[in-house]
């Protein structure tokens, strides 16, 4: 039998997928974490790819869901596009490799949680250009470059 918390999380996932899934992928993963508001969940709806050469940068959405009634409280797209970056380096000159990938982020003034997540998931540095500067994300940490 499910606990009240488990039941609430499952309902939050279902509600978030209904509004968070989009045309960037035909499959989505979810991560559910407590929100800063103790009465809600933050559900990350993550666009997925089965191509191991790609980093799916776009198509991710954060949805805040009420714990008590599964009502959608907020939907925040974490990108404006379906960007997927080739991290394979297959087309690079012989003897070279990719040390970082670069993206522009225009949804918020600074990088968001998806950026360190992608850095850790793919084990590659991510440089993010945003309204407030240029950022480097390495080992899950974000630092401003300028």
Protein backbone atom coordinates (compact mmCIF):
# COMPACT_ATOMS: atom_id res chain seq x y z
CA UNK A 1 0.00 0.00 0.00
CA UNK A 2 1.27 3.47 -0.89
CA UNK A 3 1.93 6.06 1.78
CA UNK A 4 0.23 9.45 1.50
CA UNK A 5 3.54 10.96 0.36
CA UNK A 6 4.07 8.34 -2.34
CA UNK A 7 0.50 8.76 -3.56
CA UNK A 8 0.93 12.54 -3.69
CA UNK A 9 4.17 12.19 -5.66
CA UNK A 10 2.61 9.83 -8.21
CA UNK A 11 -0.32 12.20 -8.72
CA UNK A 12 2.11 15.12 -9.08
CA UNK A 13 4.07 13.22 -11.74
CA UNK A 14 0.92 12.44 -13.71
CA UNK A 15 -0.27 16.06 -13.55
CA UNK A 16 3.16 17.42 -14.53
CA UNK A 17 3.51 15.08 -17.51
CA UNK A 18 0.11 16.19 -18.83
CA UNK A 19 1.30 19.78 -19.22
CA UNK A 20 5.09 19.38 -19.31
CA UNK A 21 5.51 16.87 -22.12
CA UNK A 22 6.10 18.62 -25.44
CA UNK A 23 7.18 18.09 -29.03
CA UNK A 24 10.91 18.06 -28.19
CA UNK A 25 10.82 14.33 -27.51
CA UNK A 26 8.54 11.33 -27.61
CA UNK A 27 9.78 10.21 -24.19
CA UNK A 28 10.22 12.02 -20.89
CA UNK A 29 11.78 11.26 -17.53
CA UNK A 30 10.68 12.90 -14.31
CA UNK A 31 12.33 13.94 -11.08
CA UNK A 32 10.17 14.95 -8.12
CA UNK A 33 11.63 17.03 -5.29
CA UNK A 34 10.11 19.04 -2.47
CA UNK A 35 9.51 22.64 -3.53
CA UNK A 36 10.69 25.65 -1.54
CA UNK A 37 7.02 25.86 -0.51
CA UNK A 38 6.47 22.89 1.81
CA UNK A 39 2.98 22.39 0.39
CA UNK A 40 4.10 21.58 -3.16
CA UNK A 41 6.36 19.40 -5.29
CA UNK A 42 8.68 20.54 -8.04
CA UNK A 43 8.46 18.05 -10.87
CA UNK A 44 11.13 18.22 -13.54
CA UNK A 45 9.80 16.86 -16.82
CA UNK A 46 12.95 15.99 -18.75
CA UNK A 47 12.95 15.47 -22.50
CA UNK A 48 14.91 12.31 -23.23
CA UNK A 49 16.81 10.82 -26.13
CA UNK A 50 18.06 7.30 -26.75
CA UNK A 51 20.97 8.64 -28.83
CA UNK A 52 24.00 8.46 -26.54
CA UNK A 53 25.88 10.96 -28.75
CA UNK A 54 23.39 13.74 -27.93
CA UNK A 55 22.89 16.02 -24.94
CA UNK A 56 19.21 16.99 -24.90
CA UNK A 57 19.47 20.59 -23.72
CA UNK A 58 15.99 21.80 -24.70
CA UNK A 59 12.50 20.61 -23.96
CA UNK A 60 12.81 20.36 -20.17
CA UNK A 61 10.09 21.86 -17.96
CA UNK A 62 9.75 22.47 -14.21
CA UNK A 63 6.17 22.11 -12.96
CA UNK A 64 5.17 22.99 -9.41
CA UNK A 65 2.29 20.85 -8.14
CA UNK A 66 0.20 21.14 -4.96
CA UNK A 67 0.80 18.22 -2.60
CA UNK A 68 -2.80 18.26 -1.37
CA UNK A 69 -4.81 18.25 -4.60
CA UNK A 70 -2.31 17.83 -7.49
CA UNK A 71 -3.19 21.26 -8.87
CA UNK A 72 -0.63 22.81 -11.21
CA UNK A 73 0.67 25.93 -9.47
CA UNK A 74 3.37 26.94 -11.95
CA UNK A 75 4.91 25.79 -15.21
CA UNK A 76 8.40 27.00 -16.12
CA UNK A 77 9.91 25.93 -19.43
CA UNK A 78 13.67 25.62 -18.94
CA UNK A 79 14.42 26.45 -22.58
CA UNK A 80 12.90 28.11 -25.62
CA UNK A 81 13.88 25.39 -28.10
CA UNK A 82 14.39 21.66 -28.53
CA UNK A 83 18.17 21.97 -28.76
CA UNK A 84 20.16 18.74 -28.70
CA UNK A 85 23.96 19.03 -28.90
CA UNK A 86 26.29 16.45 -30.43
CA UNK A 87 28.83 15.59 -27.74
CA UNK A 88 30.51 12.78 -29.67
CA UNK A 89 33.24 14.77 -31.40
CA UNK A 90 32.90 12.46 -34.41
CA UNK A 91 33.42 15.33 -36.88
CA UNK A 92 36.41 16.94 -35.18
CA UNK A 93 39.91 16.97 -36.63
CA UNK A 94 42.05 13.98 -35.69
CA UNK A 95 43.72 14.32 -32.30
CA UNK A 96 41.18 16.80 -30.91
CA UNK A 97 38.31 16.33 -28.49
CA UNK A 98 35.43 18.28 -27.02
CA UNK A 99 36.19 19.79 -23.62
CA UNK A 100 32.95 21.76 -23.21
CA UNK A 101 29.64 22.48 -24.92
CA UNK A 102 28.20 25.98 -25.18
CA UNK A 103 24.57 27.10 -25.04
CA UNK A 104 22.67 30.37 -24.88
CA UNK A 105 20.04 30.57 -22.17
CA UNK A 106 17.33 33.22 -22.59
CA UNK A 107 14.57 31.96 -20.28
CA UNK A 108 16.06 33.39 -17.08
CA UNK A 109 18.91 35.84 -16.40
CA UNK A 110 21.17 33.09 -15.05
CA UNK A 111 21.59 29.31 -15.50
CA UNK A 112 18.93 27.10 -13.90
CA UNK A 113 19.03 23.65 -12.27
CA UNK A 114 18.95 21.84 -15.62
CA UNK A 115 22.43 23.08 -16.48
CA UNK A 116 24.34 21.43 -13.59
CA UNK A 117 22.13 18.37 -14.06
CA UNK A 118 23.19 18.06 -17.72
CA UNK A 119 26.83 18.66 -16.81
CA UNK A 120 26.76 15.83 -14.27
CA UNK A 121 24.66 13.50 -16.42
CA UNK A 122 26.94 13.79 -19.45
CA UNK A 123 30.21 14.41 -17.60
CA UNK A 124 31.12 17.34 -19.83
CA UNK A 125 31.62 21.01 -18.98
CA UNK A 126 28.86 23.34 -20.08
CA UNK A 127 29.37 27.01 -20.87
CA UNK A 128 26.14 29.03 -20.60
CA UNK A 129 25.67 32.50 -22.03
CA UNK A 130 22.81 34.44 -20.44
CA UNK A 131 21.54 37.97 -19.92
CA UNK A 132 23.66 38.34 -16.76
CA UNK A 133 26.93 36.98 -18.08
CA UNK A 134 28.84 33.94 -19.19
CA UNK A 135 28.90 30.94 -16.87
CA UNK A 136 30.92 27.73 -16.67
CA UNK A 137 29.38 24.63 -15.18
CA UNK A 138 31.79 21.91 -14.11
CA UNK A 139 31.36 19.06 -11.60
CA UNK A 140 27.84 20.36 -10.90
CA UNK A 141 29.09 23.79 -9.80
CA UNK A 142 28.20 27.06 -11.51
CA UNK A 143 30.70 29.91 -11.67
CA UNK A 144 30.49 33.21 -13.45
CA UNK A 145 33.21 33.96 -16.02
CA UNK A 146 32.22 37.57 -16.62
